[in-house]
C-alpha cells in the first residue's frame, strides 16, 4: 500500500504544482485561454493566492513523508487541497461547468488523508 500512497501523492503534487505555478506566473487571459474557465469571475490577486496555496500544498504532500518529519502533515495538506476542490466544484457548478475532475481529485485527496491518518504508513 505504501507504493500506492506515494503514487497518489506524486500525482496530486504534480497536478497541484503545475496548476499553481500556472496561476502564479501566467496572466488571467492566458489562464482562461488554457481552459481554466472557473477563474473567470476572480480578480488577478486571488488567482495568485490560490496558485501559491496550491504550490505550498503540493510541497506539503511530498516533503513531510520524504524527510520523515511529521508525516501527518501530508494528510493535513491533502485535506486542505481537498477543500480547494470542494470550492472549485461549487464554482464550476455555478458556472455550469463539469465538476467530475474536481470530484475525482477530491476523492484522491480524501483517500490520501485517510491512509495518512488511519493507515499503517
PDB file of N, CA and C in Angstrom:
ATOM      1  N   UNK A   1       0.813  -1.192   0.000  1.00  0.00           N
ATOM      2  CA  UNK A   1       0.000   0.000   0.000  1.00  0.00           C
ATOM      3  C   UNK A   1       0.860   1.262   0.000  1.00  0.00           C
ATOM      4  N   UNK A   2       2.071   1.162   0.521  1.00  0.00           N
ATOM      5  CA  UNK A   2       2.962   2.327   0.565  1.00  0.00           C
ATOM      6  C   UNK A   2       3.261   2.848  -0.836  1.00  0.00           C
ATOM      7  N   UNK A   3       3.447   1.953  -1.782  1.00  0.00           N
ATOM      8  CA  UNK A   3       3.736   2.363  -3.161  1.00  0.00           C
ATOM      9  C   UNK A   3       2.528   3.114  -3.736  1.00  0.00           C
ATOM     10  N   UNK A   4       1.337   2.606  -3.456  1.00  0.00           N
ATOM     11  CA  UNK A   4       0.117   3.268  -3.935  1.00  0.00           C
ATOM     12  C   UNK A   4       0.002   4.674  -3.357  1.00  0.00           C
ATOM     13  N   UNK A   5       0.287   4.807  -2.073  1.00  0.00           N
ATOM     14  CA  UNK A   5       0.213   6.126  -1.428  1.00  0.00           C
ATOM     15  C   UNK A   5       1.192   7.088  -2.084  1.00  0.00           C
ATOM     16  N   UNK A   6       2.409   6.626  -2.352  1.00  0.00           N
ATOM     17  CA  UNK A   6       3.404   7.515  -2.972  1.00  0.00           C
ATOM     18  C   UNK A   6       3.040   7.860  -4.410  1.00  0.00           C
ATOM     19  N   UNK A   7       2.400   6.949  -5.108  1.00  0.00           N
ATOM     20  CA  UNK A   7       1.940   7.258  -6.473  1.00  0.00           C
ATOM     21  C   UNK A   7       0.853   8.329  -6.426  1.00  0.00           C
ATOM     22  N   UNK A   8      -0.100   8.177  -5.509  1.00  0.00           N
ATOM     23  CA  UNK A   8      -1.175   9.173  -5.375  1.00  0.00           C
ATOM     24  C   UNK A   8      -0.588  10.520  -4.951  1.00  0.00           C
ATOM     25  N   UNK A   9       0.350  10.493  -3.987  1.00  0.00           N
ATOM     26  CA  UNK A   9       0.999  11.737  -3.570  1.00  0.00           C
ATOM     27  C   UNK A   9       1.705  12.406  -4.748  1.00  0.00           C
ATOM     28  N   UNK A  10       2.422  11.621  -5.532  1.00  0.00           N
ATOM     29  CA  UNK A  10       3.144  12.172  -6.681  1.00  0.00           C
ATOM     30  C   UNK A  10       2.210  12.761  -7.725  1.00  0.00           C
ATOM     31  N   UNK A  11       1.131  12.053  -8.018  1.00  0.00           N
ATOM     32  CA  UNK A  11       0.158  12.554  -8.999  1.00  0.00           C
ATOM     33  C   UNK A  11      -0.488  13.851  -8.524  1.00  0.00           C
ATOM     34  N   UNK A  12      -0.920  13.863  -7.268  1.00  0.00           N
ATOM     35  CA  UNK A  12      -1.559  15.070  -6.738  1.00  0.00           C
ATOM     36  C   UNK A  12      -0.568  16.233  -6.653  1.00  0.00           C
ATOM     37  N   UNK A  13       0.655  15.941  -6.214  1.00  0.00           N
ATOM     38  CA  UNK A  13       1.661  17.006  -6.104  1.00  0.00           C
ATOM     39  C   UNK A  13       1.979  17.581  -7.484  1.00  0.00           C
ATOM     40  N   UNK A  14       2.124  16.726  -8.481  1.00  0.00           N
ATOM     41  CA  UNK A  14       2.413  17.212  -9.836  1.00  0.00           C
ATOM     42  C   UNK A  14       1.238  18.046 -10.365  1.00  0.00           C
ATOM     43  N   UNK A  15       0.032  17.569 -10.151  1.00  0.00           N
ATOM     44  CA  UNK A  15      -1.155  18.281 -10.618  1.00  0.00           C
ATOM     45  C   UNK A  15      -1.269  19.661  -9.975  1.00  0.00           C
ATOM     46  N   UNK A  16      -1.168  19.706  -8.645  1.00  0.00           N
ATOM     47  CA  UNK A  16      -1.321  20.984  -7.952  1.00  0.00           C
ATOM     48  C   UNK A  16      -0.130  21.905  -8.179  1.00  0.00           C
ATOM     49  N   UNK A  17       1.069  21.354  -8.305  1.00  0.00           N
ATOM     50  CA  UNK A  17       2.236  22.202  -8.583  1.00  0.00           C
ATOM     51  C   UNK A  17       2.112  22.830  -9.967  1.00  0.00           C
ATOM     52  N   UNK A  18       1.717  22.038 -10.946  1.00  0.00           N
ATOM     53  CA  UNK A  18       1.557  22.560 -12.305  1.00  0.00           C
ATOM     54  C   UNK A  18       0.475  23.633 -12.352  1.00  0.00           C
ATOM     55  N   UNK A  19      -0.667  23.332 -11.765  1.00  0.00           N
ATOM     56  CA  UNK A  19      -1.776  24.283 -11.759  1.00  0.00           C
ATOM     57  C   UNK A  19      -1.405  25.551 -10.985  1.00  0.00           C
ATOM     58  N   UNK A  20      -0.785  25.379  -9.826  1.00  0.00           N
ATOM     59  CA  UNK A  20      -0.411  26.516  -9.006  1.00  0.00           C
ATOM     60  C   UNK A  20       0.635  27.400  -9.655  1.00  0.00           C
ATOM     61  N   UNK A  21       1.639  26.795 -10.275  1.00  0.00           N
ATOM     62  CA  UNK A  21       2.670  27.587 -10.949  1.00  0.00           C
ATOM     63  C   UNK A  21       2.090  28.360 -12.130  1.00  0.00           C
ATOM     64  N   UNK A  22       1.172  27.733 -12.843  1.00  0.00           N
ATOM     65  CA  UNK A  22       0.496  28.453 -13.931  1.00  0.00           C
ATOM     66  C   UNK A  22      -0.255  29.663 -13.391  1.00  0.00           C
ATOM     67  N   UNK A  23      -0.981  29.465 -12.288  1.00  0.00           N
ATOM     68  CA  UNK A  23      -1.752  30.573 -11.711  1.00  0.00           C
ATOM     69  C   UNK A  23      -0.842  31.659 -11.163  1.00  0.00           C
ATOM     70  N   UNK A  24       0.323  31.274 -10.671  1.00  0.00           N
ATOM     71  CA  UNK A  24       1.256  32.264 -10.132  1.00  0.00           C
ATOM     72  C   UNK A  24       1.911  33.119 -11.212  1.00  0.00           C
ATOM     73  N   UNK A  25       2.257  32.500 -12.335  1.00  0.00           N
ATOM     74  CA  UNK A  25       3.113  33.187 -13.298  1.00  0.00           C
ATOM     75  C   UNK A  25       2.445  33.594 -14.609  1.00  0.00           C
ATOM     76  N   UNK A  26       1.231  33.118 -14.866  1.00  0.00           N
ATOM     77  CA  UNK A  26       0.560  33.493 -16.108  1.00  0.00           C
ATOM     78  C   UNK A  26      -0.536  34.518 -15.829  1.00  0.00           C
ATOM     79  N   UNK A  27      -0.742  35.450 -16.752  1.00  0.00           N
ATOM     80  CA  UNK A  27      -1.838  36.409 -16.570  1.00  0.00           C
ATOM     81  C   UNK A  27      -3.193  35.728 -16.753  1.00  0.00           C
ATOM     82  N   UNK A  28      -4.229  36.355 -16.207  1.00  0.00           N
ATOM     83  CA  UNK A  28      -5.578  35.789 -16.243  1.00  0.00           C
ATOM     84  C   UNK A  28      -6.062  35.460 -17.658  1.00  0.00           C
ATOM     85  N   UNK A  29      -5.865  36.332 -18.654  1.00  0.00           N
ATOM     86  CA  UNK A  29      -6.331  35.979 -20.005  1.00  0.00           C
ATOM     87  C   UNK A  29      -5.676  34.695 -20.544  1.00  0.00           C
ATOM     88  N   UNK A  30      -4.407  34.497 -20.224  1.00  0.00           N
ATOM     89  CA  UNK A  30      -3.707  33.289 -20.689  1.00  0.00           C
ATOM     90  C   UNK A  30      -4.273  32.049 -19.986  1.00  0.00           C
ATOM     91  N   UNK A  31      -4.613  32.176 -18.700  1.00  0.00           N
ATOM     92  CA  UNK A  31      -5.208  31.053 -17.969  1.00  0.00           C
ATOM     93  C   UNK A  31      -6.575  30.685 -18.541  1.00  0.00           C
ATOM     94  N   UNK A  32      -7.362  31.692 -18.853  1.00  0.00           N
ATOM     95  CA  UNK A  32      -8.680  31.439 -19.453  1.00  0.00           C
ATOM     96  C   UNK A  32      -8.524  30.785 -20.819  1.00  0.00           C
ATOM     97  N   UNK A  33      -7.511  31.217 -21.545  1.00  0.00           N
ATOM     98  CA  UNK A  33      -7.222  30.644 -22.859  1.00  0.00           C
ATOM     99  C   UNK A  33      -6.811  29.174 -22.738  1.00  0.00           C
ATOM    100  N   UNK A  34      -6.128  28.828 -21.626  1.00  0.00           N
ATOM    101  CA  UNK A  34      -5.694  27.448 -21.388  1.00  0.00           C
ATOM    102  C   UNK A  34      -6.837  26.544 -20.923  1.00  0.00           C
ATOM    103  N   UNK A  35      -8.009  27.138 -20.648  1.00  0.00           N
ATOM    104  CA  UNK A  35      -9.164  26.328 -20.270  1.00  0.00           C
ATOM    105  C   UNK A  35      -9.549  26.414 -18.811  1.00  0.00           C
ATOM    106  N   UNK A  36      -8.922  27.288 -18.036  1.00  0.00           N
ATOM    107  CA  UNK A  36      -9.283  27.433 -16.628  1.00  0.00           C
ATOM    108  C   UNK A  36     -10.450  28.415 -16.500  1.00  0.00           C
ATOM    109  N   UNK A  37     -11.589  27.997 -16.999  1.00  0.00           N
ATOM    110  CA  UNK A  37     -12.756  28.869 -17.076  1.00  0.00           C
ATOM    111  C   UNK A  37     -13.378  29.166 -15.717  1.00  0.00           C
ATOM    112  N   UNK A  38     -13.052  28.383 -14.708  1.00  0.00           N
ATOM    113  CA  UNK A  38     -13.563  28.628 -13.369  1.00  0.00           C
ATOM    114  C   UNK A  38     -13.005  29.897 -12.742  1.00  0.00           C
ATOM    115  N   UNK A  39     -11.975  30.454 -13.343  1.00  0.00           N
ATOM    116  CA  UNK A  39     -11.344  31.669 -12.803  1.00  0.00           C
ATOM    117  C   UNK A  39     -11.933  32.947 -13.383  1.00  0.00           C
ATOM    118  N   UNK A  40     -12.939  32.828 -14.222  1.00  0.00           N
ATOM    119  CA  UNK A  40     -13.442  33.982 -14.971  1.00  0.00           C
ATOM    120  C   UNK A  40     -13.971  35.093 -14.071  1.00  0.00           C
ATOM    121  N   UNK A  41     -14.521  34.744 -12.902  1.00  0.00           N
ATOM    122  CA  UNK A  41     -15.109  35.758 -12.032  1.00  0.00           C
ATOM    123  C   UNK A  41     -14.128  36.294 -10.998  1.00  0.00           C
ATOM    124  N   UNK A  42     -12.910  35.782 -10.978  1.00  0.00           N
ATOM    125  CA  UNK A  42     -11.928  36.202  -9.984  1.00  0.00           C
ATOM    126  C   UNK A  42     -11.016  37.298 -10.521  1.00  0.00           C
ATOM    127  N   UNK A  43     -10.542  38.123  -9.615  1.00  0.00           N
ATOM    128  CA  UNK A  43      -9.547  39.136  -9.954  1.00  0.00           C
ATOM    129  C   UNK A  43      -8.171  38.469 -10.018  1.00  0.00           C
ATOM    130  N   UNK A  44      -7.188  39.233 -10.434  1.00  0.00           N
ATOM    131  CA  UNK A  44      -5.825  38.712 -10.589  1.00  0.00           C
ATOM    132  C   UNK A  44      -5.212  38.288  -9.250  1.00  0.00           C
ATOM    133  N   UNK A  45      -5.375  39.106  -8.201  1.00  0.00           N
ATOM    134  CA  UNK A  45      -4.739  38.817  -6.917  1.00  0.00           C
ATOM    135  C   UNK A  45      -5.237  37.518  -6.275  1.00  0.00           C
ATOM    136  N   UNK A  46      -6.546  37.254  -6.184  1.00  0.00           N
ATOM    137  CA  UNK A  46      -6.984  35.965  -5.628  1.00  0.00           C
ATOM    138  C   UNK A  46      -6.490  34.764  -6.436  1.00  0.00           C
ATOM    139  N   UNK A  47      -6.335  34.926  -7.720  1.00  0.00           N
ATOM    140  CA  UNK A  47      -5.808  33.830  -8.544  1.00  0.00           C
ATOM    141  C   UNK A  47      -4.373  33.525  -8.138  1.00  0.00           C
ATOM    142  N   UNK A  48      -3.579  34.560  -7.886  1.00  0.00           N
ATOM    143  CA  UNK A  48      -2.188  34.373  -7.452  1.00  0.00           C
ATOM    144  C   UNK A  48      -2.134  33.711  -6.075  1.00  0.00           C
ATOM    145  N   UNK A  49      -3.044  34.103  -5.177  1.00  0.00           N
ATOM    146  CA  UNK A  49      -3.084  33.498  -3.847  1.00  0.00           C
ATOM    147  C   UNK A  49      -3.444  32.017  -3.946  1.00  0.00           C
ATOM    148  N   UNK A  50      -4.423  31.693  -4.770  1.00  0.00           N
ATOM    149  CA  UNK A  50      -4.803  30.288  -4.975  1.00  0.00           C
ATOM    150  C   UNK A  50      -3.617  29.503  -5.529  1.00  0.00           C
ATOM    151  N   UNK A  51      -2.910  30.093  -6.484  1.00  0.00           N
ATOM    152  CA  UNK A  51      -1.733  29.433  -7.045  1.00  0.00           C
ATOM    153  C   UNK A  51      -0.674  29.162  -6.001  1.00  0.00           C
ATOM    154  N   UNK A  52      -0.411  30.137  -5.135  1.00  0.00           N
ATOM    155  CA  UNK A  52       0.579  29.960  -4.071  1.00  0.00           C
ATOM    156  C   UNK A  52       0.147  28.850  -3.120  1.00  0.00           C
ATOM    157  N   UNK A  53      -1.122  28.836  -2.746  1.00  0.00           N
ATOM    158  CA  UNK A  53      -1.629  27.796  -1.845  1.00  0.00           C
ATOM    159  C   UNK A  53      -1.539  26.411  -2.473  1.00  0.00           C
ATOM    160  N   UNK A  54      -1.783  26.321  -3.771  1.00  0.00           N
ATOM    161  CA  UNK A  54      -1.673  25.026  -4.447  1.00  0.00           C
ATOM    162  C   UNK A  54      -0.225  24.539  -4.485  1.00  0.00           C
ATOM    163  N   UNK A  55       0.709  25.441  -4.731  1.00  0.00           N
ATOM    164  CA  UNK A  55       2.126  25.056  -4.738  1.00  0.00           C
ATOM    165  C   UNK A  55       2.565  24.630  -3.342  1.00  0.00           C
ATOM    166  N   UNK A  56       2.173  25.386  -2.318  1.00  0.00           N
ATOM    167  CA  UNK A  56       2.521  25.007  -0.947  1.00  0.00           C
ATOM    168  C   UNK A  56       1.882  23.677  -0.558  1.00  0.00           C
ATOM    169  N   UNK A  57       0.653  23.443  -1.009  1.00  0.00           N
ATOM    170  CA  UNK A  57       0.004  22.159  -0.754  1.00  0.00           C
ATOM    171  C   UNK A  57       0.723  21.005  -1.423  1.00  0.00           C
ATOM    172  N   UNK A  58       1.200  21.227  -2.649  1.00  0.00           N
ATOM    173  CA  UNK A  58       1.956  20.183  -3.353  1.00  0.00           C
ATOM    174  C   UNK A  58       3.244  19.853  -2.605  1.00  0.00           C
ATOM    175  N   UNK A  59       3.915  20.875  -2.108  1.00  0.00           N
ATOM    176  CA  UNK A  59       5.129  20.656  -1.312  1.00  0.00           C
ATOM    177  C   UNK A  59       4.769  19.922  -0.020  1.00  0.00           C
ATOM    178  N   UNK A  60       3.644  20.309   0.582  1.00  0.00           N
ATOM    179  CA  UNK A  60       3.201  19.673   1.821  1.00  0.00           C
ATOM    180  C   UNK A  60       2.806  18.216   1.663  1.00  0.00           C
ATOM    181  N   UNK A  61       2.443  17.821   0.472  1.00  0.00           N
ATOM    182  CA  UNK A  61       2.128  16.404   0.236  1.00  0.00           C
ATOM    183  C   UNK A  61       3.389  15.539   0.246  1.00  0.00           C
ATOM    184  N   UNK A  62       4.462  16.056  -0.303  1.00  0.00           N
ATOM    185  CA  UNK A  62       5.668  15.257  -0.525  1.00  0.00           C
ATOM    186  C   UNK A  62       6.691  15.376   0.600  1.00  0.00           C
ATOM    187  N   UNK A  63       7.015  16.589   0.997  1.00  0.00           N
ATOM    188  CA  UNK A  63       8.140  16.823   1.893  1.00  0.00           C
ATOM    189  C   UNK A  63       8.061  16.123   3.249  1.00  0.00           C
ATOM    190  N   UNK A  64       6.952  16.166   3.980  1.00  0.00           N
ATOM    191  CA  UNK A  64       6.935  15.519   5.300  1.00  0.00           C
ATOM    192  C   UNK A  64       7.230  14.015   5.234  1.00  0.00           C
ATOM    193  N   UNK A  65       6.658  13.337   4.273  1.00  0.00           N
ATOM    194  CA  UNK A  65       6.910  11.906   4.145  1.00  0.00           C
ATOM    195  C   UNK A  65       8.317  11.604   3.673  1.00  0.00           C
ATOM    196  N   UNK A  66       8.823  12.454   2.811  1.00  0.00           N
ATOM    197  CA  UNK A  66      10.167  12.257   2.272  1.00  0.00           C
ATOM    198  C   UNK A  66      11.229  12.472   3.341  1.00  0.00           C
ATOM    199  N   UNK A  67      11.028  13.469   4.186  1.00  0.00           N
ATOM    200  CA  UNK A  67      12.003  13.787   5.236  1.00  0.00           C
ATOM    201  C   UNK A  67      11.727  13.045   6.541  1.00  0.00           C
ATOM    202  N   UNK A  68      10.632  12.278   6.598  1.00  0.00           N
ATOM    203  CA  UNK A  68      10.219  11.572   7.820  1.00  0.00           C
ATOM    204  C   UNK A  68      10.106  12.547   8.985  1.00  0.00           C
ATOM    205  N   UNK A  69       9.541  13.708   8.711  1.00  0.00           N
ATOM    206  CA  UNK A  69       9.377  14.761   9.701  1.00  0.00           C
ATOM    207  C   UNK A  69       7.895  15.112   9.760  1.00  0.00           C
ATOM    208  N   UNK A  70       7.212  14.679  10.814  1.00  0.00           N
ATOM    209  CA  UNK A  70       5.773  14.877  10.968  1.00  0.00           C
ATOM    210  C   UNK A  70       5.011  14.457   9.705  1.00  0.00           C
ATOM    211  N   UNK A  71       5.054  13.168   9.338  1.00  0.00           N
ATOM    212  CA  UNK A  71       4.370  12.719   8.122  1.00  0.00           C
ATOM    213  C   UNK A  71       2.869  12.960   8.126  1.00  0.00           C
ATOM    214  N   UNK A  72       2.285  13.218   9.303  1.00  0.00           N
ATOM    215  CA  UNK A  72       0.854  13.508   9.368  1.00  0.00           C
ATOM    216  C   UNK A  72       0.537  14.806   8.624  1.00  0.00           C
ATOM    217  N   UNK A  73       1.532  15.657   8.427  1.00  0.00           N
ATOM    218  CA  UNK A  73       1.312  16.902   7.691  1.00  0.00           C
ATOM    219  C   UNK A  73       0.919  16.655   6.242  1.00  0.00           C
ATOM    220  N   UNK A  74       1.313  15.509   5.690  1.00  0.00           N
ATOM    221  CA  UNK A  74       0.873  15.156   4.333  1.00  0.00           C
ATOM    222  C   UNK A  74      -0.644  14.992   4.294  1.00  0.00           C
ATOM    223  N   UNK A  75      -1.195  14.389   5.336  1.00  0.00           N
ATOM    224  CA  UNK A  75      -2.644  14.237   5.418  1.00  0.00           C
ATOM    225  C   UNK A  75      -3.344  15.577   5.577  1.00  0.00           C
ATOM    226  N   UNK A  76      -2.741  16.465   6.354  1.00  0.00           N
ATOM    227  CA  UNK A  76      -3.311  17.801   6.527  1.00  0.00           C
ATOM    228  C   UNK A  76      -3.297  18.544   5.194  1.00  0.00           C
ATOM    229  N   UNK A  77      -2.182  18.443   4.470  1.00  0.00           N
ATOM    230  CA  UNK A  77      -2.090  19.087   3.153  1.00  0.00           C
ATOM    231  C   UNK A  77      -3.134  18.506   2.205  1.00  0.00           C
ATOM    232  N   UNK A  78      -3.327  17.185   2.245  1.00  0.00           N
ATOM    233  CA  UNK A  78      -4.323  16.546   1.383  1.00  0.00           C
ATOM    234  C   UNK A  78      -5.731  17.043   1.717  1.00  0.00           C
ATOM    235  N   UNK A  79      -6.036  17.195   3.003  1.00  0.00           N
ATOM    236  CA  UNK A  79      -7.353  17.713   3.392  1.00  0.00           C
ATOM    237  C   UNK A  79      -7.541  19.154   2.926  1.00  0.00           C
ATOM    238  N   UNK A  80      -6.508  19.961   3.065  1.00  0.00           N
ATOM    239  CA  UNK A  80      -6.602  21.361   2.621  1.00  0.00           C
ATOM    240  C   UNK A  80      -6.795  21.444   1.107  1.00  0.00           C
ATOM    241  N   UNK A  81      -6.062  20.629   0.368  1.00  0.00           N
ATOM    242  CA  UNK A  81      -6.229  20.620  -1.083  1.00  0.00           C
ATOM    243  C   UNK A  81      -7.607  20.072  -1.459  1.00  0.00           C
ATOM    244  N   UNK A  82      -8.112  19.129  -0.673  1.00  0.00           N
ATOM    245  CA  UNK A  82      -9.471  18.639  -0.890  1.00  0.00           C
ATOM    246  C   UNK A  82     -10.504  19.734  -0.693  1.00  0.00           C
ATOM    247  N   UNK A  83     -10.278  20.595   0.287  1.00  0.00           N
ATOM    248  CA  UNK A  83     -11.183  21.736   0.493  1.00  0.00           C
ATOM    249  C   UNK A  83     -11.174  22.661  -0.715  1.00  0.00           C
ATOM    250  N   UNK A  84     -10.008  22.853  -1.314  1.00  0.00           N
ATOM    251  CA  UNK A  84      -9.963  23.697  -2.517  1.00  0.00           C
ATOM    252  C   UNK A  84     -10.769  23.062  -3.643  1.00  0.00           C
ATOM    253  N   UNK A  85     -10.797  21.734  -3.691  1.00  0.00           N
ATOM    254  CA  UNK A  85     -11.569  21.058  -4.733  1.00  0.00           C
ATOM    255  C   UNK A  85     -13.069  21.191  -4.481  1.00  0.00           C
ATOM    256  N   UNK A  86     -13.477  21.252  -3.218  1.00  0.00           N
ATOM    257  CA  UNK A  86     -14.890  21.470  -2.911  1.00  0.00           C
ATOM    258  C   UNK A  86     -15.306  22.858  -3.382  1.00  0.00           C
ATOM    259  N   UNK A  87     -14.478  23.853  -3.093  1.00  0.00           N
ATOM    260  CA  UNK A  87     -14.772  25.223  -3.528  1.00  0.00           C
ATOM    261  C   UNK A  87     -14.755  25.307  -5.056  1.00  0.00           C
ATOM    262  N   UNK A  88     -13.787  24.640  -5.677  1.00  0.00           N
ATOM    263  CA  UNK A  88     -13.709  24.655  -7.141  1.00  0.00           C
ATOM    264  C   UNK A  88     -14.932  23.975  -7.758  1.00  0.00           C
ATOM    265  N   UNK A  89     -15.381  22.873  -7.158  1.00  0.00           N
ATOM    266  CA  UNK A  89     -16.566  22.181  -7.681  1.00  0.00           C
ATOM    267  C   UNK A  89     -17.803  23.067  -7.558  1.00  0.00           C
ATOM    268  N   UNK A  90     -17.907  23.781  -6.453  1.00  0.00           N
ATOM    269  CA  UNK A  90     -19.045  24.695  -6.280  1.00  0.00           C
ATOM    270  C   UNK A  90     -19.007  25.805  -7.329  1.00  0.00           C
ATOM    271  N   UNK A  91     -17.835  26.351  -7.563  1.00  0.00           N
ATOM    272  CA  UNK A  91     -17.687  27.399  -8.573  1.00  0.00           C
ATOM    273  C   UNK A  91     -18.008  26.865  -9.963  1.00  0.00           C
ATOM    274  N   UNK A  92     -17.495  25.679 -10.284  1.00  0.00           N
ATOM    275  CA  UNK A  92     -17.759  25.083 -11.598  1.00  0.00           C
ATOM    276  C   UNK A  92     -19.243  24.785 -11.778  1.00  0.00           C
ATOM    277  N   UNK A  93     -19.883  24.305 -10.721  1.00  0.00           N
ATOM    278  CA  UNK A  93     -21.317  24.012 -10.813  1.00  0.00           C
ATOM    279  C   UNK A  93     -22.112  25.291 -11.071  1.00  0.00           C
ATOM    280  N   UNK A  94     -21.738  26.364 -10.379  1.00  0.00           N
ATOM    281  CA  UNK A  94     -22.424  27.641 -10.555  1.00  0.00           C
ATOM    282  C   UNK A  94     -22.237  28.182 -11.973  1.00  0.00           C
ATOM    283  N   UNK A  95     -21.066  27.921 -12.576  1.00  0.00           N
ATOM    284  CA  UNK A  95     -20.796  28.369 -13.947  1.00  0.00           C
ATOM    285  C   UNK A  95     -21.249  27.344 -14.992  1.00  0.00           C
ATOM    286  N   UNK A  96     -21.902  26.285 -14.542  1.00  0.00           N
ATOM    287  CA  UNK A  96     -22.399  25.202 -15.396  1.00  0.00           C
ATOM    288  C   UNK A  96     -21.262  24.521 -16.158  1.00  0.00           C
ATOM    289  N   UNK A  97     -20.150  24.304 -15.455  1.00  0.00           N
ATOM    290  CA  UNK A  97     -19.023  23.547 -15.990  1.00  0.00           C
ATOM    291  C   UNK A  97     -19.016  22.175 -15.313  1.00  0.00           C
ATOM    292  N   UNK A  98     -18.266  21.243 -15.865  1.00  0.00           N
ATOM    293  CA  UNK A  98     -18.212  19.892 -15.307  1.00  0.00           C
ATOM    294  C   UNK A  98     -17.482  19.889 -13.959  1.00  0.00           C
ATOM    295  N   UNK A  99     -18.061  19.169 -13.000  1.00  0.00           N
ATOM    296  CA  UNK A  99     -17.408  19.043 -11.701  1.00  0.00           C
ATOM    297  C   UNK A  99     -16.752  17.665 -11.521  1.00  0.00           C
ATOM    298  N   UNK A 100     -16.818  16.830 -12.527  1.00  0.00           N
ATOM    299  CA  UNK A 100     -16.253  15.476 -12.437  1.00  0.00           C
ATOM    300  C   UNK A 100     -14.758  15.505 -12.095  1.00  0.00           C
ATOM    301  N   UNK A 101     -13.924  16.320 -12.778  1.00  0.00           N
ATOM    302  CA  UNK A 101     -12.498  16.336 -12.404  1.00  0.00           C
ATOM    303  C   UNK A 101     -12.283  16.756 -10.952  1.00  0.00           C
ATOM    304  N   UNK A 102     -13.062  17.716 -10.476  1.00  0.00           N
ATOM    305  CA  UNK A 102     -12.935  18.153  -9.088  1.00  0.00           C
ATOM    306  C   UNK A 102     -13.266  17.025  -8.118  1.00  0.00           C
ATOM    307  N   UNK A 103     -14.296  16.258  -8.435  1.00  0.00           N
ATOM    308  CA  UNK A 103     -14.700  15.158  -7.560  1.00  0.00           C
ATOM    309  C   UNK A 103     -13.664  14.037  -7.554  1.00  0.00           C
ATOM    310  N   UNK A 104     -13.051  13.763  -8.700  1.00  0.00           N
ATOM    311  CA  UNK A 104     -12.009  12.730  -8.761  1.00  0.00           C
ATOM    312  C   UNK A 104     -10.796  13.155  -7.933  1.00  0.00           C
ATOM    313  N   UNK A 105     -10.381  14.404  -8.081  1.00  0.00           N
ATOM    314  CA  UNK A 105      -9.234  14.902  -7.310  1.00  0.00           C
ATOM    315  C   UNK A 105      -9.576  14.936  -5.823  1.00  0.00           C
ATOM    316  N   UNK A 106     -10.808  15.332  -5.487  1.00  0.00           N
ATOM    317  CA  UNK A 106     -11.249  15.322  -4.094  1.00  0.00           C
ATOM    318  C   UNK A 106     -11.177  13.909  -3.522  1.00  0.00           C
ATOM    319  N   UNK A 107     -11.629  12.919  -4.279  1.00  0.00           N
ATOM    320  CA  UNK A 107     -11.574  11.527  -3.815  1.00  0.00           C
ATOM    321  C   UNK A 107     -10.129  11.089  -3.575  1.00  0.00           C
ATOM    322  N   UNK A 108      -9.226  11.495  -4.458  1.00  0.00           N
ATOM    323  CA  UNK A 108      -7.814  11.149  -4.269  1.00  0.00           C
ATOM    324  C   UNK A 108      -7.256  11.815  -3.012  1.00  0.00           C
ATOM    325  N   UNK A 109      -7.626  13.065  -2.773  1.00  0.00           N
ATOM    326  CA  UNK A 109      -7.168  13.777  -1.576  1.00  0.00           C
ATOM    327  C   UNK A 109      -7.703  13.114  -0.310  1.00  0.00           C
ATOM    328  N   UNK A 110      -8.961  12.731  -0.322  1.00  0.00           N
ATOM    329  CA  UNK A 110      -9.551  12.081   0.849  1.00  0.00           C
ATOM    330  C   UNK A 110      -8.947  10.702   1.085  1.00  0.00           C
ATOM    331  N   UNK A 111      -8.675   9.966   0.013  1.00  0.00           N
ATOM    332  CA  UNK A 111      -8.002   8.669   0.128  1.00  0.00           C
ATOM    333  C   UNK A 111      -6.645   8.837   0.792  1.00  0.00           C
ATOM    334  N   UNK A 112      -5.894   9.804   0.317  1.00  0.00           N
ATOM    335  CA  UNK A 112      -4.563  10.048   0.862  1.00  0.00           C
ATOM    336  C   UNK A 112      -4.639  10.485   2.326  1.00  0.00           C
ATOM    337  N   UNK A 113      -5.568  11.370   2.650  1.00  0.00           N
ATOM    338  CA  UNK A 113      -5.712  11.822   4.037  1.00  0.00           C
ATOM    339  C   UNK A 113      -6.109  10.658   4.950  1.00  0.00           C
ATOM    340  N   UNK A 114      -7.048   9.830   4.487  1.00  0.00           N
ATOM    341  CA  UNK A 114      -7.481   8.687   5.291  1.00  0.00           C
ATOM    342  C   UNK A 114      -6.312   7.763   5.607  1.00  0.00           C
ATOM    343  N   UNK A 115      -5.538   7.390   4.598  1.00  0.00           N
ATOM    344  CA  UNK A 115      -4.440   6.466   4.816  1.00  0.00           C
ATOM    345  C   UNK A 115      -3.292   7.100   5.585  1.00  0.00           C
ATOM    346  N   UNK A 116      -3.165   8.413   5.521  1.00  0.00           N
ATOM    347  CA  UNK A 116      -2.140   9.072   6.310  1.00  0.00           C
ATOM    348  C   UNK A 116      -2.517   9.085   7.782  1.00  0.00           C
ATOM    349  N   UNK A 117      -3.790   9.340   8.080  1.00  0.00           N
ATOM    350  CA  UNK A 117      -4.236   9.415   9.471  1.00  0.00           C
ATOM    351  C   UNK A 117      -4.505   8.049  10.088  1.00  0.00           C
ATOM    352  N   UNK A 118      -5.097   7.122   9.320  1.00  0.00           N
ATOM    353  CA  UNK A 118      -5.555   5.871   9.898  1.00  0.00           C
ATOM    354  C   UNK A 118      -4.875   4.622   9.365  1.00  0.00           C
ATOM    355  N   UNK A 119      -4.093   4.760   8.303  1.00  0.00           N
ATOM    356  CA  UNK A 119      -3.432   3.595   7.713  1.00  0.00           C
ATOM    357  C   UNK A 119      -2.164   3.224   8.455  1.00  0.00           C
ATOM    358  N   UNK A 120      -1.555   2.186   8.007  1.00  0.00           N
ATOM    359  CA  UNK A 120      -0.320   1.681   8.642  1.00  0.00           C
ATOM    360  C   UNK A 120       0.890   2.186   7.883  1.00  0.00           C
ATOM    361  N   UNK A 121       0.974   3.487   7.733  1.00  0.00           N
ATOM    362  CA  UNK A 121       2.090   4.065   6.967  1.00  0.00           C
ATOM    363  C   UNK A 121       3.148   4.555   7.929  1.00  0.00           C
TER     364      UNK A 121
END
